């Protein structure tokens, strides 16, 4: 019992109060995150769209998210974290209801585009706020706890959404919108602005060529590119996995139960991951994560029953658990303080590009090359990403160390003589 109390204190103790309000908002929001889990099934079964049309709608969600995460990062640095979060959550709730009421393909597509824009605009501000309030030594714990909350909510939402979908699909959209509004209320009532120095100071401190600085930062962009590869694989569980399971005669409720295993495993194991990977090479951890995720998705080619699909989910979930905390802490260390929102936005852009491309590419590969080719291709991408992490890792760690020591933005890599490790980084990118 004493060991358990010590572990609980080491895992959760000492984190700022603002973090716990953000954590609570994350949990509530994810408890109602019904729609994205079942959107592919909703579009094909309830609305009668083809797999390609469903992929197009999901792709437009990603396109809107790409615009939203870029704008959200800039607003978080210029306007403030708090107003950006409030605007994004309220706007996303309104668009969620509009999407649920849309009937025609053009209206559904437009609703998905705008929903993606508002929903993803919140992510850079949230990430920057987390880095603002949590000291560097506690960020691995904080990001792991937040990821735990995301998946606790996701596990519950997947099961509840499967049941709700059998009653009325519109209920999914209503509950999802309600949780977004509750999250906005928590932020409005309890979360202060965390950006240091206020608006005027931030505007003076931020360099004029901020976007140019980011776009010439090859070390950072190489890491973003590798995350894009991982995201293209990972997001197939939202777009093509439910369609594959439906083709095998499995119901939406079965898909909800199978995909809930992802959240259940993370809820059980994620709190132990920080201690497991502490002190280990982040590049090695990220490479292992890419291999495990690739294997899990690759084995989907041989699945045909609920328990086999569940086994593949459990395998790639282990890779996801290893990937997430290392990703989050590394992005925090690669982000100069005055550009945190923008760096978070550009990193989030990799997820949005994947959100736009993954369903479209997945649908095209599945229709023209077959289901097995899609999943085995995911395994191959995982291997490529693992090798690239091993090659590019040393340059990332040198950059993170230099930023920690200087406490300010470094000059872009292209403006300084390349070190021995940078050619490998450029090749990996």
Protein backbone atom coordinates (compact mmCIF):
# COMPACT_ATOMS: atom_id res chain seq x y z
CA UNK A 1 0.00 0.00 0.00
CA UNK A 2 2.86 2.37 0.85
CA UNK A 3 4.50 1.60 -2.50
CA UNK A 4 1.24 2.39 -4.32
CA UNK A 5 0.87 5.69 -2.44
CA UNK A 6 4.45 6.59 -3.26
CA UNK A 7 3.89 5.79 -6.94
CA UNK A 8 0.67 7.84 -6.99
CA UNK A 9 2.43 10.80 -5.34
CA UNK A 10 5.35 10.59 -7.77
CA UNK A 11 2.96 10.42 -10.73
CA UNK A 12 0.46 13.13 -9.82
CA UNK A 13 2.00 15.25 -7.07
CA UNK A 14 3.34 18.77 -7.43
CA UNK A 15 1.60 19.72 -10.68
CA UNK A 16 0.04 23.22 -10.93
CA UNK A 17 -3.67 23.75 -10.27
CA UNK A 18 -4.16 25.20 -13.76
CA UNK A 19 -2.88 21.93 -15.22
CA UNK A 20 -5.58 20.00 -13.39
CA UNK A 21 -8.32 22.28 -14.74
CA UNK A 22 -6.96 21.71 -18.25
CA UNK A 23 -6.81 17.98 -17.50
CA UNK A 24 -10.45 17.99 -16.36
CA UNK A 25 -11.53 19.81 -19.51
CA UNK A 26 -9.68 17.25 -21.62
CA UNK A 27 -11.38 14.34 -19.85
CA UNK A 28 -14.88 15.83 -20.18
CA UNK A 29 -14.34 16.72 -23.83
CA UNK A 30 -13.09 13.23 -24.66
CA UNK A 31 -15.94 11.53 -22.79
CA UNK A 32 -18.22 13.02 -25.45
CA UNK A 33 -15.96 12.53 -28.45
CA UNK A 34 -18.46 10.31 -30.21
CA UNK A 35 -18.58 11.67 -33.73
CA UNK A 36 -15.11 11.17 -35.14
CA UNK A 37 -15.05 7.56 -33.94
CA UNK A 38 -18.18 6.68 -35.90
CA UNK A 39 -18.17 9.26 -38.68
CA UNK A 40 -17.03 6.80 -41.36
CA UNK A 41 -19.78 4.34 -40.42
CA UNK A 42 -22.34 7.16 -40.14
CA UNK A 43 -21.51 8.46 -43.61
CA UNK A 44 -21.58 5.06 -45.33
CA UNK A 45 -24.49 3.42 -43.51
CA UNK A 46 -26.77 6.26 -42.39
CA UNK A 47 -26.17 8.72 -45.25
CA UNK A 48 -25.45 6.13 -47.95
CA UNK A 49 -22.17 7.65 -49.15
CA UNK A 50 -19.52 5.49 -50.81
CA UNK A 51 -16.16 4.72 -49.17
CA UNK A 52 -14.51 7.30 -51.43
CA UNK A 53 -17.09 9.97 -50.53
CA UNK A 54 -16.68 9.17 -46.84
CA UNK A 55 -12.91 9.47 -47.27
CA UNK A 56 -13.42 12.84 -48.98
CA UNK A 57 -15.49 14.15 -46.05
CA UNK A 58 -12.93 12.95 -43.53
CA UNK A 59 -10.24 14.47 -45.70
CA UNK A 60 -12.00 17.84 -45.65
CA UNK A 61 -12.12 17.58 -41.87
CA UNK A 62 -8.33 17.32 -42.06
CA UNK A 63 -8.07 20.26 -44.48
CA UNK A 64 -10.08 22.44 -42.11
CA UNK A 65 -7.92 21.21 -39.26
CA UNK A 66 -4.77 22.19 -41.17
CA UNK A 67 -6.03 25.76 -41.47
CA UNK A 68 -7.27 25.76 -37.89
CA UNK A 69 -4.09 24.50 -36.27
CA UNK A 70 -1.99 27.03 -38.21
CA UNK A 71 -4.29 29.92 -37.31
CA UNK A 72 -4.67 28.65 -33.74
CA UNK A 73 -0.91 28.63 -33.21
CA UNK A 74 -0.55 32.20 -34.42
CA UNK A 75 -3.53 33.40 -32.36
CA UNK A 76 -2.19 31.66 -29.25
CA UNK A 77 1.01 33.70 -29.49
CA UNK A 78 -0.58 37.00 -30.56
CA UNK A 79 -4.09 37.03 -29.09
CA UNK A 80 -3.55 34.74 -26.11
CA UNK A 81 -4.04 31.08 -25.15
CA UNK A 82 -7.30 31.56 -23.27
CA UNK A 83 -9.35 33.53 -25.84
CA UNK A 84 -8.15 31.20 -28.58
CA UNK A 85 -9.32 28.14 -26.62
CA UNK A 86 -12.70 29.68 -25.80
CA UNK A 87 -13.39 30.74 -29.38
CA UNK A 88 -12.32 27.37 -30.76
CA UNK A 89 -14.46 25.30 -28.38
CA UNK A 90 -17.62 27.39 -28.79
CA UNK A 91 -17.23 27.47 -32.58
CA UNK A 92 -16.61 23.72 -32.71
CA UNK A 93 -19.76 23.03 -30.67
CA UNK A 94 -21.85 25.07 -33.13
CA UNK A 95 -20.32 23.33 -36.15
CA UNK A 96 -20.82 19.91 -34.56
CA UNK A 97 -24.57 20.50 -34.36
CA UNK A 98 -24.62 21.83 -37.92
CA UNK A 99 -22.83 18.70 -39.18
CA UNK A 100 -25.33 16.46 -37.42
CA UNK A 101 -28.24 18.22 -39.12
CA UNK A 102 -26.65 18.30 -42.60
CA UNK A 103 -28.11 15.92 -45.20
CA UNK A 104 -26.60 16.52 -48.64
CA UNK A 105 -23.01 15.64 -49.46
CA UNK A 106 -22.00 19.29 -50.04
CA UNK A 107 -23.49 20.34 -46.68
CA UNK A 108 -21.83 17.46 -44.83
CA UNK A 109 -18.51 18.25 -46.52
CA UNK A 110 -18.74 21.96 -45.62
CA UNK A 111 -19.71 21.12 -42.05
CA UNK A 112 -16.74 18.76 -41.70
CA UNK A 113 -14.40 21.42 -43.10
CA UNK A 114 -15.54 24.10 -40.64
CA UNK A 115 -15.67 21.68 -37.71
CA UNK A 116 -12.09 20.65 -38.38
CA UNK A 117 -11.07 24.31 -38.50
CA UNK A 118 -12.54 25.22 -35.09
CA UNK A 119 -11.78 21.95 -33.30
CA UNK A 120 -8.11 21.87 -34.28
CA UNK A 121 -7.54 25.57 -33.60
CA UNK A 122 -7.70 24.69 -29.91
CA UNK A 123 -4.79 22.25 -29.95
CA UNK A 124 -1.82 24.64 -30.34
CA UNK A 125 -3.17 26.94 -27.64
CA UNK A 126 -3.75 24.00 -25.31
CA UNK A 127 -0.26 22.62 -25.92
CA UNK A 128 1.35 26.02 -25.40
CA UNK A 129 -0.64 26.54 -22.20
CA UNK A 130 0.53 23.16 -20.87
CA UNK A 131 4.16 24.10 -21.53
CA UNK A 132 3.59 27.54 -19.95
CA UNK A 133 2.31 26.21 -16.62
CA UNK A 134 4.26 22.96 -16.15
CA UNK A 135 7.99 23.12 -15.31
CA UNK A 136 10.32 21.27 -17.68
CA UNK A 137 11.13 18.58 -15.11
CA UNK A 138 7.44 17.66 -14.75
CA UNK A 139 6.37 17.74 -18.41
CA UNK A 140 6.79 14.04 -19.09
CA UNK A 141 4.42 13.29 -16.20
CA UNK A 142 2.01 16.03 -17.18
CA UNK A 143 1.74 15.03 -20.84
CA UNK A 144 1.38 11.37 -19.86
CA UNK A 145 -1.43 12.22 -17.43
CA UNK A 146 -3.17 14.33 -20.06
CA UNK A 147 -2.81 11.53 -22.60
CA UNK A 148 -4.24 9.16 -20.00
CA UNK A 149 -7.28 11.42 -19.62
CA UNK A 150 -7.72 11.57 -23.41
CA UNK A 151 -7.82 7.81 -23.65
CA UNK A 152 -9.94 7.24 -20.56
CA UNK A 153 -12.53 9.48 -22.18
CA UNK A 154 -12.01 7.84 -25.56
CA UNK A 155 -12.47 4.32 -24.18
CA UNK A 156 -15.77 5.27 -22.55
CA UNK A 157 -16.89 7.30 -25.57
CA UNK A 158 -16.26 4.46 -28.04
CA UNK A 159 -18.48 2.04 -26.14
CA UNK A 160 -21.21 4.60 -25.37
CA UNK A 161 -21.18 5.87 -28.95
CA UNK A 162 -21.77 2.35 -30.28
CA UNK A 163 -24.89 2.11 -28.12
CA UNK A 164 -26.05 5.65 -28.89
CA UNK A 165 -25.63 5.11 -32.63
CA UNK A 166 -28.11 2.25 -32.47
CA UNK A 167 -30.69 4.61 -30.96
CA UNK A 168 -30.12 7.81 -32.95
CA UNK A 169 -27.02 9.06 -34.74
CA UNK A 170 -28.00 12.69 -34.07
CA UNK A 171 -27.51 12.00 -30.36
CA UNK A 172 -23.79 11.53 -31.04
CA UNK A 173 -23.49 15.06 -32.39
CA UNK A 174 -25.55 16.62 -29.58
CA UNK A 175 -23.54 15.01 -26.76
CA UNK A 176 -20.24 15.84 -28.46
CA UNK A 177 -21.25 19.51 -28.78
CA UNK A 178 -22.38 19.61 -25.13
CA UNK A 179 -19.02 18.39 -23.82
CA UNK A 180 -17.23 21.02 -25.89
CA UNK A 181 -19.34 23.72 -24.25
CA UNK A 182 -18.65 22.32 -20.78
CA UNK A 183 -14.91 22.41 -21.51
CA UNK A 184 -15.22 26.02 -22.64
CA UNK A 185 -17.04 26.84 -19.38
CA UNK A 186 -14.21 25.32 -17.30
CA UNK A 187 -11.65 27.39 -19.19
CA UNK A 188 -13.75 30.54 -18.83
CA UNK A 189 -14.30 30.09 -15.10
CA UNK A 190 -11.02 28.59 -13.88
CA UNK A 191 -8.15 28.92 -16.36
CA UNK A 192 -6.29 32.26 -16.51
CA UNK A 193 -4.20 33.50 -19.39
CA UNK A 194 -0.77 31.82 -19.15
CA UNK A 195 1.22 33.64 -21.81
CA UNK A 196 3.93 35.60 -20.06
CA UNK A 197 4.12 39.38 -20.36
CA UNK A 198 0.65 40.06 -21.79
CA UNK A 199 -0.33 40.88 -25.35
CA UNK A 200 1.89 43.90 -25.84
CA UNK A 201 5.00 42.19 -24.53
CA UNK A 202 4.35 39.12 -26.63
CA UNK A 203 3.88 41.19 -29.75
CA UNK A 204 7.18 42.97 -29.16
CA UNK A 205 9.05 39.82 -28.20
CA UNK A 206 7.96 37.64 -31.10
CA UNK A 207 10.30 38.00 -34.10
CA UNK A 208 8.88 39.42 -37.29
CA UNK A 209 10.00 36.47 -39.39
CA UNK A 210 8.50 33.86 -37.07
CA UNK A 211 7.05 31.69 -39.81
CA UNK A 212 10.23 31.93 -41.83
CA UNK A 213 12.24 30.92 -38.77
CA UNK A 214 10.12 27.79 -38.36
CA UNK A 215 10.13 26.90 -42.04
CA UNK A 216 13.94 27.06 -42.17
CA UNK A 217 14.36 25.00 -39.00
CA UNK A 218 15.31 21.69 -40.62
CA UNK A 219 15.75 19.80 -37.36
CA UNK A 220 12.21 20.65 -36.27
CA UNK A 221 10.66 20.12 -39.70
CA UNK A 222 12.39 16.75 -39.99
CA UNK A 223 10.65 15.69 -36.78
CA UNK A 224 7.33 17.03 -38.09
CA UNK A 225 7.77 14.99 -41.28
CA UNK A 226 8.35 11.80 -39.30
CA UNK A 227 5.25 12.48 -37.24
CA UNK A 228 3.34 12.86 -40.51
CA UNK A 229 4.37 9.35 -41.55
CA UNK A 230 3.25 7.94 -38.20
CA UNK A 231 -0.04 9.84 -38.37
CA UNK A 232 -0.81 8.53 -41.88
CA UNK A 233 -0.65 5.03 -40.43
CA UNK A 234 -2.33 5.75 -37.12
CA UNK A 235 -5.38 7.55 -38.52
CA UNK A 236 -6.39 4.51 -40.57
CA UNK A 237 -8.07 3.26 -37.40
CA UNK A 238 -10.65 6.03 -37.80
CA UNK A 239 -11.19 5.89 -41.53
CA UNK A 240 -10.47 2.47 -43.06
CA UNK A 241 -10.59 0.16 -40.02
CA UNK A 242 -14.35 0.59 -39.40
CA UNK A 243 -15.05 0.05 -43.10
CA UNK A 244 -12.91 -3.10 -43.14
CA UNK A 245 -14.72 -4.45 -40.09
CA UNK A 246 -18.10 -3.66 -41.65
CA UNK A 247 -17.09 -5.61 -44.78
CA UNK A 248 -16.38 -8.59 -42.53
CA UNK A 249 -19.94 -8.42 -41.19
CA UNK A 250 -19.12 -6.80 -37.85
CA UNK A 251 -21.54 -4.25 -36.42
CA UNK A 252 -20.80 -0.64 -35.39
CA UNK A 253 -21.18 -1.71 -31.74
CA UNK A 254 -18.48 -4.36 -32.28
CA UNK A 255 -16.17 -1.76 -33.79
CA UNK A 256 -16.82 0.50 -30.79
CA UNK A 257 -15.92 -2.31 -28.40
CA UNK A 258 -12.79 -3.27 -30.34
CA UNK A 259 -11.51 0.28 -30.67
CA UNK A 260 -12.27 0.88 -26.97
CA UNK A 261 -9.51 -1.63 -26.22
CA UNK A 262 -7.13 1.10 -27.34
CA UNK A 263 -8.33 3.42 -24.60
CA UNK A 264 -8.57 0.68 -21.99
CA UNK A 265 -4.96 -0.43 -22.47
CA UNK A 266 -3.72 3.15 -22.34
CA UNK A 267 -5.76 3.85 -19.20
CA UNK A 268 -4.24 0.80 -17.52
CA UNK A 269 -0.68 1.19 -18.72
CA UNK A 270 0.02 4.82 -19.63
CA UNK A 271 0.66 5.95 -16.06
CA UNK A 272 3.57 3.47 -15.88
CA UNK A 273 5.13 4.50 -19.21
CA UNK A 274 7.02 7.60 -17.93
CA UNK A 275 8.92 5.49 -15.43
CA UNK A 276 9.57 2.82 -18.07
CA UNK A 277 11.10 5.19 -20.62
CA UNK A 278 12.72 7.67 -18.22
CA UNK A 279 16.42 8.01 -18.96
CA UNK A 280 16.23 6.10 -22.24
CA UNK A 281 17.13 7.51 -25.65
CA UNK A 282 14.06 9.23 -27.08
CA UNK A 283 15.16 8.35 -30.60
CA UNK A 284 15.27 4.66 -29.70
CA UNK A 285 11.89 4.87 -27.99
CA UNK A 286 10.33 6.61 -31.00
CA UNK A 287 11.90 4.08 -33.40
CA UNK A 288 10.54 1.17 -31.35
CA UNK A 289 7.12 2.85 -31.25
CA UNK A 290 7.08 3.17 -35.04
CA UNK A 291 7.96 -0.52 -35.49
CA UNK A 292 5.31 -1.71 -33.03
CA UNK A 293 2.61 0.50 -34.58
CA UNK A 294 3.55 -0.71 -38.05
CA UNK A 295 3.36 -4.36 -36.99
CA UNK A 296 -0.03 -3.85 -35.33
CA UNK A 297 -1.59 -2.19 -38.36
CA UNK A 298 0.12 -4.63 -40.73
CA UNK A 299 -1.47 -7.61 -38.96
CA UNK A 300 -4.89 -6.11 -39.71
CA UNK A 301 -4.45 -7.57 -43.21
CA UNK A 302 -4.96 -11.04 -41.69
CA UNK A 303 -7.84 -10.17 -39.33
CA UNK A 304 -11.41 -11.23 -40.00
CA UNK A 305 -13.01 -11.73 -36.60
CA UNK A 306 -13.60 -9.41 -33.67
CA UNK A 307 -10.93 -10.98 -31.46
CA UNK A 308 -8.27 -10.76 -34.18
CA UNK A 309 -9.10 -7.13 -34.82
CA UNK A 310 -8.91 -6.56 -31.07
CA UNK A 311 -5.44 -8.17 -30.96
CA UNK A 312 -4.14 -5.85 -33.68
CA UNK A 313 -5.53 -2.84 -31.79
CA UNK A 314 -3.73 -3.90 -28.61
CA UNK A 315 -0.43 -4.25 -30.51
CA UNK A 316 -0.45 -0.84 -32.19
CA UNK A 317 -1.70 0.73 -28.97
CA UNK A 318 1.58 -0.27 -27.27
CA UNK A 319 3.41 1.67 -29.98
CA UNK A 320 1.11 4.63 -29.48
CA UNK A 321 1.78 4.60 -25.72
CA UNK A 322 5.53 4.74 -26.31
CA UNK A 323 5.24 7.42 -28.97
CA UNK A 324 3.02 10.01 -27.32
CA UNK A 325 4.97 11.16 -24.22
CA UNK A 326 8.30 11.20 -26.07
CA UNK A 327 6.71 13.23 -28.88
CA UNK A 328 5.16 15.75 -26.52
CA UNK A 329 8.23 16.41 -24.41
CA UNK A 330 10.47 16.67 -27.46
CA UNK A 331 8.21 19.25 -29.13
CA UNK A 332 8.18 21.23 -25.89
CA UNK A 333 12.00 21.27 -25.84
CA UNK A 334 12.29 22.17 -29.53
CA UNK A 335 9.91 25.16 -29.17
CA UNK A 336 11.41 28.57 -28.28
CA UNK A 337 9.34 30.25 -25.57
CA UNK A 338 8.22 33.19 -27.72
CA UNK A 339 7.10 30.88 -30.54
CA UNK A 340 5.45 28.07 -28.59
CA UNK A 341 2.03 28.55 -30.11
CA UNK A 342 3.38 28.66 -33.65
CA UNK A 343 5.63 25.64 -33.16
CA UNK A 344 2.70 23.72 -31.68
CA UNK A 345 0.60 24.81 -34.65
CA UNK A 346 3.13 23.65 -37.25
CA UNK A 347 3.57 20.34 -35.45
CA UNK A 348 -0.20 19.95 -35.29
CA UNK A 349 -0.27 20.64 -39.01
CA UNK A 350 1.32 17.23 -39.58
CA UNK A 351 -1.71 15.63 -37.95
CA UNK A 352 -4.07 17.71 -40.05
CA UNK A 353 -2.28 16.89 -43.29
CA UNK A 354 -2.50 13.25 -42.30
CA UNK A 355 -6.15 13.75 -41.38
CA UNK A 356 -6.78 15.07 -44.89
CA UNK A 357 -4.65 12.52 -46.74
CA UNK A 358 -5.01 9.32 -44.69
CA UNK A 359 -8.68 8.59 -45.45
CA UNK A 360 -8.35 9.58 -49.11
CA UNK A 361 -5.17 7.58 -49.66
CA UNK A 362 -6.49 4.70 -47.59
CA UNK A 363 -9.72 4.59 -49.57
CA UNK A 364 -7.91 4.71 -52.91
CA UNK A 365 -5.40 2.00 -51.95
CA UNK A 366 -8.14 -0.20 -50.56
CA UNK A 367 -10.37 0.15 -53.61
CA UNK A 368 -7.66 -0.25 -56.26
CA UNK A 369 -5.01 -2.45 -54.61
CA UNK A 370 -6.97 -4.34 -51.98
CA UNK A 371 -7.37 -4.45 -48.22
CA UNK A 372 -4.17 -6.44 -47.57
CA UNK A 373 -2.03 -4.00 -49.53
CA UNK A 374 -3.29 -1.11 -47.42
CA UNK A 375 -2.36 -2.70 -44.11
CA UNK A 376 0.95 -4.18 -45.23
CA UNK A 377 1.83 -0.75 -46.62
CA UNK A 378 1.24 0.66 -43.13
CA UNK A 379 3.79 -1.82 -41.78
CA UNK A 380 6.34 -0.71 -44.36
CA UNK A 381 5.84 2.95 -43.43
CA UNK A 382 6.47 2.06 -39.79
CA UNK A 383 9.84 0.53 -40.67
CA UNK A 384 10.85 3.59 -42.72
CA UNK A 385 9.88 5.93 -39.86
CA UNK A 386 11.87 3.85 -37.33
CA UNK A 387 15.06 4.04 -39.39
CA UNK A 388 14.60 7.78 -39.89
CA UNK A 389 14.20 8.35 -36.13
CA UNK A 390 17.49 6.60 -35.45
CA UNK A 391 19.27 8.71 -38.07
CA UNK A 392 17.80 12.07 -37.08
CA UNK A 393 17.72 11.65 -33.29
CA UNK A 394 21.19 13.03 -32.43
CA UNK A 395 20.53 16.34 -34.24
CA UNK A 396 17.23 16.77 -32.37
CA UNK A 397 18.85 16.17 -28.99
CA UNK A 398 21.62 18.67 -29.74
CA UNK A 399 18.99 21.27 -30.63
CA UNK A 400 16.96 20.55 -27.47
CA UNK A 401 20.09 20.80 -25.30
CA UNK A 402 21.11 24.09 -26.91
CA UNK A 403 17.65 25.60 -26.37
CA UNK A 404 17.64 24.53 -22.74
CA UNK A 405 21.01 26.19 -22.20
CA UNK A 406 20.30 29.41 -24.04
CA UNK A 407 16.70 29.90 -22.98
CA UNK A 408 15.98 31.64 -26.26
CA UNK A 409 15.39 30.81 -29.93
CA UNK A 410 18.34 29.50 -31.90
CA UNK A 411 19.19 30.61 -35.40
CA UNK A 412 17.75 28.33 -38.10
CA UNK A 413 19.95 25.41 -39.08
CA UNK A 414 20.30 26.73 -42.62
CA UNK A 415 21.96 29.90 -41.29
CA UNK A 416 24.76 28.01 -39.47
CA UNK A 417 27.44 25.61 -40.67
CA UNK A 418 26.02 22.06 -40.61
CA UNK A 419 27.35 19.72 -37.97
CA UNK A 420 28.24 16.11 -38.62
CA UNK A 421 24.78 14.86 -37.73
CA UNK A 422 22.78 17.29 -39.86
CA UNK A 423 23.18 15.58 -43.27
CA UNK A 424 21.58 12.48 -41.77
CA UNK A 425 18.78 14.62 -40.36
CA UNK A 426 18.14 16.22 -43.75
CA UNK A 427 18.11 12.80 -45.42
CA UNK A 428 15.66 11.47 -42.87
CA UNK A 429 13.36 14.45 -43.38
